[in-house]
Amino acid sequence: METILELKSVGKSYPGFDLKDISFSLPRGYIMGLIGPNGAGKTTTIKLIMNLLRKNSGEIRVFGQDYIKNEVEVKSRIGFVYDTPTFYEHLNLLQMKAIIAPFYKTWDDGKFQSLIKNFDLPPRKKIKTLSRGMKMKYALALALSHEAELIIMDEPTSGLDPVFRRELLDILHGLIESEQKSVLFSTHITSDLERVADFITFINKGELVFSASKEEILEKYGVIRAGKNKISMAGVMARHVRGWRESEFGIEILTNDLAASRDILTEGVVAERASLEDIVFLTGKGVKGK
């Protein structure tokens, strides 16, 4: 399986924040979701991949190449879709395309025309009149028109209504199935990733929590729910606990070994598979005593 993107022990330090030893790889033809709370390090990771920030340590390879030594070639094969696409707002879609297209040797104008038609985009409308969802689809059309093999998207569905979000996710899924492209998709909307992602990379407080297939994660992680009188459950399961929350109604415990946890359940304690939202939320709460 060809690896299209690989990070090995990548680190970046700021005053008050450290991104530490981030390692993951994305094979060709798959979607990877990059998740974590706000401020976890997702955007920093993406900016490092795009060489918009300089790393302090580690190695980043894109298409098997050093991403700095071969920056021009590497970036010509990447489609980068920002959370807030930046265009000349007074231009229409065709005028903006005319500025961007010459930068890419592989630009395919026929494909661009086909994409804006399929995406139902008005080619002669000024960009400032477009909705956020239409701007996002336009940015994606530009990325795909130069035959980008890796699409990197930073919070692309944030602020979109449910219809646009569903449509964008369907577009991404179709790309993977028909064109063997890869997508790195940063988001805090975990339900979107449960629909389309093949792999999940979770960063919390600048540290890698896990990077694995979605199926493996959802099979492994679980939430244990118990009443107040079952609170000793946390001690029994200490080595499997990855976070928990107490409330007036009882306790929720996140475990990274659901099968083992089910083996020691007592009456009144319930175990069920965790959603990605459960994992992010309860990990953010941390483990009591730490």
C-alpha atoms as a PDB file:
ATOM      1  CA  MET A   1       0.000   0.000   0.000  1.00  0.00           C
ATOM      2  CA  GLU A   2       1.551   3.322  -1.110  1.00  0.00           C
ATOM      3  CA  THR A   3       2.052   5.865   1.684  1.00  0.00           C
ATOM      4  CA  ILE A   4       1.126   9.321   0.429  1.00  0.00           C
ATOM      5  CA  LEU A   5       1.798  11.279   3.647  1.00  0.00           C
ATOM      6  CA  GLU A   6       4.038  10.384   6.584  1.00  0.00           C
ATOM      7  CA  LEU A   7       4.976  12.242   9.766  1.00  0.00           C
ATOM      8  CA  LYS A   8       7.636  10.857  12.106  1.00  0.00           C
ATOM      9  CA  SER A   9       8.116  12.340  15.594  1.00  0.00           C
ATOM     10  CA  VAL A  10       7.231  15.852  14.421  1.00  0.00           C
ATOM     11  CA  GLY A  11       7.461  18.617  17.013  1.00  0.00           C
ATOM     12  CA  LYS A  12       6.841  22.352  17.120  1.00  0.00           C
ATOM     13  CA  SER A  13       7.261  24.665  20.121  1.00  0.00           C
ATOM     14  CA  TYR A  14       5.530  27.955  20.859  1.00  0.00           C
ATOM     15  CA  PRO A  15       5.499  29.964  24.081  1.00  0.00           C
ATOM     16  CA  GLY A  16       2.964  28.087  26.190  1.00  0.00           C
ATOM     17  CA  PHE A  17       2.321  25.257  23.719  1.00  0.00           C
ATOM     18  CA  ASP A  18       4.259  22.262  22.415  1.00  0.00           C
ATOM     19  CA  LEU A  19       3.311  19.891  19.617  1.00  0.00           C
ATOM     20  CA  LYS A  20       5.148  16.709  20.616  1.00  0.00           C
ATOM     21  CA  ASP A  21       6.262  13.662  18.644  1.00  0.00           C
ATOM     22  CA  ILE A  22       3.367  13.516  16.177  1.00  0.00           C
ATOM     23  CA  SER A  23       3.601  10.403  13.995  1.00  0.00           C
ATOM     24  CA  PHE A  24       1.061   9.029  11.518  1.00  0.00           C
ATOM     25  CA  SER A  25       0.801   7.915   7.901  1.00  0.00           C
ATOM     26  CA  LEU A  26      -1.936   8.115   5.261  1.00  0.00           C
ATOM     27  CA  PRO A  27      -2.071   5.579   2.415  1.00  0.00           C
ATOM     28  CA  ARG A  28      -3.257   6.428  -1.096  1.00  0.00           C
ATOM     29  CA  GLY A  29      -6.991   6.185  -1.664  1.00  0.00           C
ATOM     30  CA  TYR A  30      -8.169   6.798   1.896  1.00  0.00           C
ATOM     31  CA  ILE A  31      -9.643   9.566   4.061  1.00  0.00           C
ATOM     32  CA  MET A  32      -8.013  10.404   7.395  1.00  0.00           C
ATOM     33  CA  GLY A  33      -9.826  12.509   9.963  1.00  0.00           C
ATOM     34  CA  LEU A  34      -7.689  14.727  12.189  1.00  0.00           C
ATOM     35  CA  ILE A  35      -9.594  15.357  15.415  1.00  0.00           C
ATOM     36  CA  GLY A  36      -9.101  17.045  18.750  1.00  0.00           C
ATOM     37  CA  PRO A  37     -10.460  19.921  20.858  1.00  0.00           C
ATOM     38  CA  ASN A  38      -9.859  23.521  19.821  1.00  0.00           C
ATOM     39  CA  GLY A  39      -6.212  24.382  20.483  1.00  0.00           C
ATOM     40  CA  ALA A  40      -5.121  20.730  20.419  1.00  0.00           C
ATOM     41  CA  GLY A  41      -2.639  21.235  17.564  1.00  0.00           C
ATOM     42  CA  LYS A  42      -4.638  20.214  14.466  1.00  0.00           C
ATOM     43  CA  THR A  43      -4.100  23.430  12.496  1.00  0.00           C
ATOM     44  CA  THR A  44      -0.447  23.571  13.569  1.00  0.00           C
ATOM     45  CA  THR A  45       0.016  20.041  12.199  1.00  0.00           C
ATOM     46  CA  ILE A  46      -1.554  20.994   8.866  1.00  0.00           C
ATOM     47  CA  LYS A  47       0.553  24.160   8.602  1.00  0.00           C
ATOM     48  CA  LEU A  48       3.686  22.082   9.221  1.00  0.00           C
ATOM     49  CA  ILE A  49       2.714  19.678   6.423  1.00  0.00           C
ATOM     50  CA  MET A  50       2.191  22.647   4.079  1.00  0.00           C
ATOM     51  CA  ASN A  51       5.503  24.224   5.191  1.00  0.00           C
ATOM     52  CA  LEU A  52       3.669  27.318   6.410  1.00  0.00           C
ATOM     53  CA  LEU A  53       5.438  26.709   9.721  1.00  0.00           C
ATOM     54  CA  ARG A  54       8.900  25.250  10.306  1.00  0.00           C
ATOM     55  CA  LYS A  55       9.070  22.196  12.519  1.00  0.00           C
ATOM     56  CA  ASN A  56      11.539  21.964  15.402  1.00  0.00           C
ATOM     57  CA  SER A  57      12.002  18.208  15.104  1.00  0.00           C
ATOM     58  CA  GLY A  58      10.986  15.112  13.214  1.00  0.00           C
ATOM     59  CA  GLU A  59      10.436  14.277   9.559  1.00  0.00           C
ATOM     60  CA  ILE A  60       7.613  14.952   7.090  1.00  0.00           C
ATOM     61  CA  ARG A  61       7.440  13.168   3.751  1.00  0.00           C
ATOM     62  CA  VAL A  62       4.784  13.710   1.108  1.00  0.00           C
ATOM     63  CA  PHE A  63       4.595  11.354  -1.897  1.00  0.00           C
ATOM     64  CA  GLY A  64       7.745   9.777  -0.464  1.00  0.00           C
ATOM     65  CA  GLN A  65       9.694  13.040  -0.816  1.00  0.00           C
ATOM     66  CA  ASP A  66      11.152  15.531   1.627  1.00  0.00           C
ATOM     67  CA  TYR A  67       8.472  18.192   1.793  1.00  0.00           C
ATOM     68  CA  ILE A  68      10.940  21.110   2.021  1.00  0.00           C
ATOM     69  CA  LYS A  69      13.610  20.054  -0.485  1.00  0.00           C
ATOM     70  CA  ASN A  70      10.915  19.267  -3.064  1.00  0.00           C
ATOM     71  CA  GLU A  71       8.371  21.869  -1.990  1.00  0.00           C
ATOM     72  CA  VAL A  72       7.345  23.136  -5.443  1.00  0.00           C
ATOM     73  CA  GLU A  73       6.755  19.662  -6.859  1.00  0.00           C
ATOM     74  CA  VAL A  74       5.018  18.434  -3.713  1.00  0.00           C
ATOM     75  CA  LYS A  75       2.658  21.408  -3.500  1.00  0.00           C
ATOM     76  CA  SER A  76       1.737  21.107  -7.175  1.00  0.00           C
ATOM     77  CA  ARG A  77       0.226  17.711  -6.285  1.00  0.00           C
ATOM     78  CA  ILE A  78      -1.667  18.940  -3.189  1.00  0.00           C
ATOM     79  CA  GLY A  79      -5.049  20.636  -3.039  1.00  0.00           C
ATOM     80  CA  PHE A  80      -5.250  22.798   0.095  1.00  0.00           C
ATOM     81  CA  VAL A  81      -8.732  23.889   1.207  1.00  0.00           C
ATOM     82  CA  TYR A  82      -8.692  26.375   4.098  1.00  0.00           C
ATOM     83  CA  ASP A  83     -11.420  26.654   6.716  1.00  0.00           C
ATOM     84  CA  THR A  84     -12.106  30.133   5.286  1.00  0.00           C
ATOM     85  CA  PRO A  85     -11.159  30.153   1.578  1.00  0.00           C
ATOM     86  CA  THR A  86      -9.339  33.350   0.595  1.00  0.00           C
ATOM     87  CA  PHE A  87     -10.094  34.782  -2.853  1.00  0.00           C
ATOM     88  CA  TYR A  88     -10.323  38.190  -4.505  1.00  0.00           C
ATOM     89  CA  GLU A  89     -13.910  38.840  -3.542  1.00  0.00           C
ATOM     90  CA  HIS A  90     -14.612  41.369  -6.321  1.00  0.00           C
ATOM     91  CA  LEU A  91     -13.850  38.789  -9.044  1.00  0.00           C
ATOM     92  CA  ASN A  92     -16.182  36.168 -10.400  1.00  0.00           C
ATOM     93  CA  LEU A  93     -15.350  32.438 -10.430  1.00  0.00           C
ATOM     94  CA  LEU A  94     -13.918  32.428 -13.953  1.00  0.00           C
ATOM     95  CA  GLN A  95     -11.750  35.502 -13.331  1.00  0.00           C
ATOM     96  CA  MET A  96     -10.327  33.991 -10.145  1.00  0.00           C
ATOM     97  CA  LYS A  97      -9.653  30.716 -11.946  1.00  0.00           C
ATOM     98  CA  ALA A  98      -7.735  32.597 -14.658  1.00  0.00           C
ATOM     99  CA  ILE A  99      -5.327  33.863 -11.978  1.00  0.00           C
ATOM    100  CA  ILE A 100      -4.808  30.478 -10.314  1.00  0.00           C
ATOM    101  CA  ALA A 101      -4.648  28.122 -13.317  1.00  0.00           C
ATOM    102  CA  PRO A 102      -1.257  29.287 -14.745  1.00  0.00           C
ATOM    103  CA  PHE A 103       0.512  28.187 -11.558  1.00  0.00           C
ATOM    104  CA  TYR A 104      -0.191  24.520 -12.358  1.00  0.00           C
ATOM    105  CA  LYS A 105       1.294  22.621 -15.299  1.00  0.00           C
ATOM    106  CA  THR A 106      -1.371  19.947 -14.869  1.00  0.00           C
ATOM    107  CA  TRP A 107      -4.347  22.338 -14.941  1.00  0.00           C
ATOM    108  CA  ASP A 108      -7.328  20.806 -16.764  1.00  0.00           C
ATOM    109  CA  ASP A 109      -9.807  23.486 -17.789  1.00  0.00           C
ATOM    110  CA  GLY A 110     -12.310  20.943 -19.069  1.00  0.00           C
ATOM    111  CA  LYS A 111     -12.351  19.311 -15.640  1.00  0.00           C
ATOM    112  CA  PHE A 112     -12.810  22.689 -13.969  1.00  0.00           C
ATOM    113  CA  GLN A 113     -15.830  23.471 -16.152  1.00  0.00           C
ATOM    114  CA  SER A 114     -17.279  20.040 -15.411  1.00  0.00           C
ATOM    115  CA  LEU A 115     -16.759  20.413 -11.660  1.00  0.00           C
ATOM    116  CA  ILE A 116     -18.383  23.827 -11.301  1.00  0.00           C
ATOM    117  CA  LYS A 117     -21.324  22.489 -13.294  1.00  0.00           C
ATOM    118  CA  ASN A 118     -21.586  19.369 -11.117  1.00  0.00           C
ATOM    119  CA  PHE A 119     -21.214  21.472  -7.961  1.00  0.00           C
ATOM    120  CA  ASP A 120     -23.943  23.834  -9.245  1.00  0.00           C
ATOM    121  CA  LEU A 121     -21.671  26.889  -8.997  1.00  0.00           C
ATOM    122  CA  PRO A 122     -22.517  30.107 -10.926  1.00  0.00           C
ATOM    123  CA  PRO A 123     -19.346  30.844 -12.974  1.00  0.00           C
ATOM    124  CA  ARG A 124     -20.028  34.543 -13.535  1.00  0.00           C
ATOM    125  CA  LYS A 125     -21.133  35.443 -10.027  1.00  0.00           C
ATOM    126  CA  LYS A 126     -18.796  37.524  -7.901  1.00  0.00           C
ATOM    127  CA  ILE A 127     -17.168  35.547  -5.127  1.00  0.00           C
ATOM    128  CA  LYS A 128     -18.397  37.981  -2.464  1.00  0.00           C
ATOM    129  CA  THR A 129     -21.996  36.957  -3.265  1.00  0.00           C
ATOM    130  CA  LEU A 130     -21.387  33.241  -2.618  1.00  0.00           C
ATOM    131  CA  SER A 131     -22.370  31.442   0.576  1.00  0.00           C
ATOM    132  CA  ARG A 132     -19.690  29.808   2.731  1.00  0.00           C
ATOM    133  CA  GLY A 133     -20.697  26.399   1.401  1.00  0.00           C
ATOM    134  CA  MET A 134     -20.392  27.515  -2.220  1.00  0.00           C
ATOM    135  CA  LYS A 135     -16.977  29.059  -1.552  1.00  0.00           C
ATOM    136  CA  MET A 136     -15.859  25.761  -0.028  1.00  0.00           C
ATOM    137  CA  LYS A 137     -17.055  23.823  -3.086  1.00  0.00           C
ATOM    138  CA  TYR A 138     -15.323  26.338  -5.348  1.00  0.00           C
ATOM    139  CA  ALA A 139     -12.054  25.876  -3.441  1.00  0.00           C
ATOM    140  CA  LEU A 140     -12.425  22.118  -3.833  1.00  0.00           C
ATOM    141  CA  ALA A 141     -13.133  22.488  -7.576  1.00  0.00           C
ATOM    142  CA  LEU A 142      -9.913  24.494  -7.970  1.00  0.00           C
ATOM    143  CA  ALA A 143      -7.937  21.857  -6.050  1.00  0.00           C
ATOM    144  CA  LEU A 144      -9.291  19.005  -8.170  1.00  0.00           C
ATOM    145  CA  SER A 145      -8.785  20.798 -11.482  1.00  0.00           C
ATOM    146  CA  HIS A 146      -4.994  20.507 -11.251  1.00  0.00           C
ATOM    147  CA  GLU A 147      -5.199  16.754 -10.548  1.00  0.00           C
ATOM    148  CA  ALA A 148      -4.266  17.063  -6.876  1.00  0.00           C
ATOM    149  CA  GLU A 149      -3.512  13.623  -5.426  1.00  0.00           C
ATOM    150  CA  LEU A 150      -3.711  14.708  -1.791  1.00  0.00           C
ATOM    151  CA  ILE A 151      -6.502  16.988  -0.578  1.00  0.00           C
ATOM    152  CA  ILE A 152      -5.806  18.709   2.759  1.00  0.00           C
ATOM    153  CA  MET A 153      -8.832  20.360   4.350  1.00  0.00           C
ATOM    154  CA  ASP A 154      -8.853  22.387   7.570  1.00  0.00           C
ATOM    155  CA  GLU A 155     -12.336  22.438   9.165  1.00  0.00           C
ATOM    156  CA  PRO A 156     -14.134  22.381   5.783  1.00  0.00           C
ATOM    157  CA  THR A 157     -17.591  21.645   7.209  1.00  0.00           C
ATOM    158  CA  SER A 158     -17.502  24.147  10.084  1.00  0.00           C
ATOM    159  CA  GLY A 159     -20.336  26.631   9.754  1.00  0.00           C
ATOM    160  CA  LEU A 160     -22.029  24.781   6.894  1.00  0.00           C
ATOM    161  CA  ASP A 161     -25.684  23.814   7.064  1.00  0.00           C
ATOM    162  CA  PRO A 162     -26.443  20.053   7.224  1.00  0.00           C
ATOM    163  CA  VAL A 163     -27.380  19.818   3.523  1.00  0.00           C
ATOM    164  CA  PHE A 164     -24.098  21.365   2.356  1.00  0.00           C
ATOM    165  CA  ARG A 165     -22.126  19.260   4.821  1.00  0.00           C
ATOM    166  CA  ARG A 166     -23.723  16.061   3.560  1.00  0.00           C
ATOM    167  CA  GLU A 167     -23.102  17.070  -0.049  1.00  0.00           C
ATOM    168  CA  LEU A 168     -19.445  17.901   0.596  1.00  0.00           C
ATOM    169  CA  LEU A 169     -18.890  14.586   2.386  1.00  0.00           C
ATOM    170  CA  ASP A 170     -20.468  12.704  -0.510  1.00  0.00           C
ATOM    171  CA  ILE A 171     -18.130  14.523  -2.926  1.00  0.00           C
ATOM    172  CA  LEU A 172     -15.078  13.517  -0.857  1.00  0.00           C
ATOM    173  CA  HIS A 173     -16.225   9.913  -0.629  1.00  0.00           C
ATOM    174  CA  GLY A 174     -16.723   9.803  -4.399  1.00  0.00           C
ATOM    175  CA  LEU A 175     -13.197  11.095  -4.991  1.00  0.00           C
ATOM    176  CA  ILE A 176     -11.683   8.281  -2.984  1.00  0.00           C
ATOM    177  CA  GLU A 177     -13.726   5.597  -4.685  1.00  0.00           C
ATOM    178  CA  SER A 178     -13.253   6.762  -8.283  1.00  0.00           C
ATOM    179  CA  GLU A 179      -9.881   8.533  -8.408  1.00  0.00           C
ATOM    180  CA  GLN A 180      -7.686   6.993  -5.701  1.00  0.00           C
ATOM    181  CA  LYS A 181      -6.974  10.367  -4.138  1.00  0.00           C
ATOM    182  CA  SER A 182      -6.261  10.778  -0.432  1.00  0.00           C
ATOM    183  CA  VAL A 183      -7.817  13.284   1.972  1.00  0.00           C
ATOM    184  CA  LEU A 184      -6.578  14.670   5.294  1.00  0.00           C
ATOM    185  CA  PHE A 185      -9.625  16.237   6.889  1.00  0.00           C
ATOM    186  CA  SER A 186      -9.341  18.275  10.105  1.00  0.00           C
ATOM    187  CA  THR A 187     -12.603  18.817  11.954  1.00  0.00           C
ATOM    188  CA  HIS A 188     -14.252  19.070  15.338  1.00  0.00           C
ATOM    189  CA  ILE A 189     -17.523  17.692  13.907  1.00  0.00           C
ATOM    190  CA  THR A 190     -16.837  14.044  14.669  1.00  0.00           C
ATOM    191  CA  SER A 191     -20.128  12.795  13.210  1.00  0.00           C
ATOM    192  CA  ASP A 192     -18.852  13.799   9.749  1.00  0.00           C
ATOM    193  CA  LEU A 193     -15.841  11.543  10.173  1.00  0.00           C
ATOM    194  CA  GLU A 194     -17.951   8.615  11.315  1.00  0.00           C
ATOM    195  CA  ARG A 195     -19.636   8.861   7.915  1.00  0.00           C
ATOM    196  CA  VAL A 196     -16.600   9.030   5.615  1.00  0.00           C
ATOM    197  CA  ALA A 197     -13.225   8.545   7.349  1.00  0.00           C
ATOM    198  CA  ASP A 198     -11.126   5.385   7.016  1.00  0.00           C
ATOM    199  CA  PHE A 199      -8.510   6.432   9.581  1.00  0.00           C
ATOM    200  CA  ILE A 200      -8.645   8.714  12.620  1.00  0.00           C
ATOM    201  CA  THR A 201      -5.739  10.645  14.123  1.00  0.00           C
ATOM    202  CA  PHE A 202      -6.516  12.195  17.506  1.00  0.00           C
ATOM    203  CA  ILE A 203      -4.359  14.988  18.943  1.00  0.00           C
ATOM    204  CA  ASN A 204      -4.985  16.352  22.438  1.00  0.00           C
ATOM    205  CA  LYS A 205      -2.972  19.099  24.138  1.00  0.00           C
ATOM    206  CA  GLY A 206      -0.265  18.804  21.497  1.00  0.00           C
ATOM    207  CA  GLU A 207       0.183  15.060  21.940  1.00  0.00           C
ATOM    208  CA  LEU A 208      -0.850  12.126  19.777  1.00  0.00           C
ATOM    209  CA  VAL A 209      -3.527  10.040  21.501  1.00  0.00           C
ATOM    210  CA  PHE A 210      -3.901   7.527  18.669  1.00  0.00           C
ATOM    211  CA  SER A 211      -3.777   7.102  14.904  1.00  0.00           C
ATOM    212  CA  ALA A 212      -5.568   3.988  13.651  1.00  0.00           C
ATOM    213  CA  SER A 213      -8.373   2.757  11.445  1.00  0.00           C
ATOM    214  CA  LYS A 214     -11.836   4.025  12.388  1.00  0.00           C
ATOM    215  CA  GLU A 215     -13.121   0.462  12.728  1.00  0.00           C
ATOM    216  CA  GLU A 216     -10.333  -0.472  15.148  1.00  0.00           C
ATOM    217  CA  ILE A 217     -10.967   2.592  17.306  1.00  0.00           C
ATOM    218  CA  LEU A 218     -14.739   2.194  17.480  1.00  0.00           C
ATOM    219  CA  GLU A 219     -14.321  -1.513  18.255  1.00  0.00           C
ATOM    220  CA  LYS A 220     -11.810  -0.873  21.022  1.00  0.00           C
ATOM    221  CA  TYR A 221     -13.123   2.186  22.875  1.00  0.00           C
ATOM    222  CA  GLY A 222     -16.183   2.140  25.099  1.00  0.00           C
ATOM    223  CA  VAL A 223     -18.086   4.166  27.666  1.00  0.00           C
ATOM    224  CA  ILE A 224     -18.924   2.662  31.066  1.00  0.00           C
ATOM    225  CA  ARG A 225     -21.894   4.285  32.789  1.00  0.00           C
ATOM    226  CA  ALA A 226     -22.596   3.724  36.465  1.00  0.00           C
ATOM    227  CA  GLY A 227     -24.511   5.279  39.348  1.00  0.00           C
ATOM    228  CA  LYS A 228     -22.833   7.082  42.221  1.00  0.00           C
ATOM    229  CA  ASN A 229     -22.736   3.933  44.317  1.00  0.00           C
ATOM    230  CA  LYS A 230     -20.585   2.250  41.637  1.00  0.00           C
ATOM    231  CA  ILE A 231     -17.828   4.831  41.683  1.00  0.00           C
ATOM    232  CA  SER A 232     -15.230   2.298  42.848  1.00  0.00           C
ATOM    233  CA  MET A 233     -15.473   0.954  39.293  1.00  0.00           C
ATOM    234  CA  ALA A 234     -12.864   3.553  38.293  1.00  0.00           C
ATOM    235  CA  GLY A 235     -10.233   1.975  40.513  1.00  0.00           C
ATOM    236  CA  VAL A 236     -10.960  -1.525  39.236  1.00  0.00           C
ATOM    237  CA  MET A 237     -10.488  -0.359  35.649  1.00  0.00           C
ATOM    238  CA  ALA A 238      -7.639   2.104  36.223  1.00  0.00           C
ATOM    239  CA  ARG A 239      -5.299   0.699  33.600  1.00  0.00           C
ATOM    240  CA  HIS A 240      -7.958   0.989  30.901  1.00  0.00           C
ATOM    241  CA  VAL A 241      -9.353   4.413  31.830  1.00  0.00           C
ATOM    242  CA  ARG A 242      -8.639   7.251  29.419  1.00  0.00           C
ATOM    243  CA  GLY A 243     -10.957   9.845  30.894  1.00  0.00           C
ATOM    244  CA  TRP A 244     -14.086  10.244  32.950  1.00  0.00           C
ATOM    245  CA  ARG A 245     -16.806  12.616  34.001  1.00  0.00           C
ATOM    246  CA  GLU A 246     -18.819  12.727  37.214  1.00  0.00           C
ATOM    247  CA  SER A 247     -22.265  14.291  37.486  1.00  0.00           C
ATOM    248  CA  GLU A 248     -25.121  14.296  39.961  1.00  0.00           C
ATOM    249  CA  PHE A 249     -26.476  11.212  38.197  1.00  0.00           C
ATOM    250  CA  GLY A 250     -23.334   9.065  38.283  1.00  0.00           C
ATOM    251  CA  ILE A 251     -20.147   8.563  36.329  1.00  0.00           C
ATOM    252  CA  GLU A 252     -19.096   8.037  32.707  1.00  0.00           C
ATOM    253  CA  ILE A 253     -15.764   6.293  32.149  1.00  0.00           C
ATOM    254  CA  LEU A 254     -13.932   6.128  28.825  1.00  0.00           C
ATOM    255  CA  THR A 255     -12.049   2.853  28.373  1.00  0.00           C
ATOM    256  CA  ASN A 256      -9.686   1.876  25.575  1.00  0.00           C
ATOM    257  CA  ASP A 257     -10.414  -1.820  26.145  1.00  0.00           C
ATOM    258  CA  LEU A 258     -14.163  -2.338  25.973  1.00  0.00           C
ATOM    259  CA  ALA A 259     -13.898  -6.143  25.859  1.00  0.00           C
ATOM    260  CA  ALA A 260     -11.858  -6.340  29.074  1.00  0.00           C
ATOM    261  CA  SER A 261     -14.160  -3.853  30.785  1.00  0.00           C
ATOM    262  CA  ARG A 262     -17.251  -5.894  29.975  1.00  0.00           C
ATOM    263  CA  ASP A 263     -15.694  -8.898  31.699  1.00  0.00           C
ATOM    264  CA  ILE A 264     -15.739  -7.150  35.086  1.00  0.00           C
ATOM    265  CA  LEU A 265     -19.101  -5.401  34.941  1.00  0.00           C
ATOM    266  CA  THR A 266     -21.303  -5.570  38.012  1.00  0.00           C
ATOM    267  CA  GLU A 267     -25.043  -5.064  38.360  1.00  0.00           C
ATOM    268  CA  GLY A 268     -26.142  -1.552  37.549  1.00  0.00           C
ATOM    269  CA  VAL A 269     -23.115  -0.814  35.369  1.00  0.00           C
ATOM    270  CA  VAL A 270     -23.562  -0.499  31.602  1.00  0.00           C
ATOM    271  CA  ALA A 271     -20.882  -0.681  28.895  1.00  0.00           C
ATOM    272  CA  GLU A 272     -21.381   0.404  25.282  1.00  0.00           C
ATOM    273  CA  ARG A 273     -19.275   1.379  22.313  1.00  0.00           C
ATOM    274  CA  ALA A 274     -17.972   4.943  22.338  1.00  0.00           C
ATOM    275  CA  SER A 275     -18.615   7.392  19.526  1.00  0.00           C
ATOM    276  CA  LEU A 276     -15.783   9.619  18.308  1.00  0.00           C
ATOM    277  CA  GLU A 277     -17.531  12.467  20.121  1.00  0.00           C
ATOM    278  CA  ASP A 278     -17.450  10.465  23.380  1.00  0.00           C
ATOM    279  CA  ILE A 279     -13.749   9.793  22.897  1.00  0.00           C
ATOM    280  CA  VAL A 280     -12.831  13.433  22.274  1.00  0.00           C
ATOM    281  CA  PHE A 281     -15.056  14.774  25.058  1.00  0.00           C
ATOM    282  CA  LEU A 282     -14.091  12.324  27.797  1.00  0.00           C
ATOM    283  CA  THR A 283     -10.391  12.321  26.902  1.00  0.00           C
ATOM    284  CA  GLY A 284     -10.520  16.088  27.211  1.00  0.00           C
ATOM    285  CA  LYS A 285     -11.794  15.649  30.757  1.00  0.00           C
ATOM    286  CA  GLY A 286      -8.675  13.637  31.584  1.00  0.00           C
ATOM    287  CA  VAL A 287      -8.155  10.897  34.152  1.00  0.00           C
ATOM    288  CA  LYS A 288      -8.915  11.818  37.730  1.00  0.00           C
ATOM    289  CA  GLY A 289      -5.783  12.174  39.823  1.00  0.00           C
ATOM    290  CA  LYS A 290      -3.598  13.251  36.900  1.00  0.00           C
END
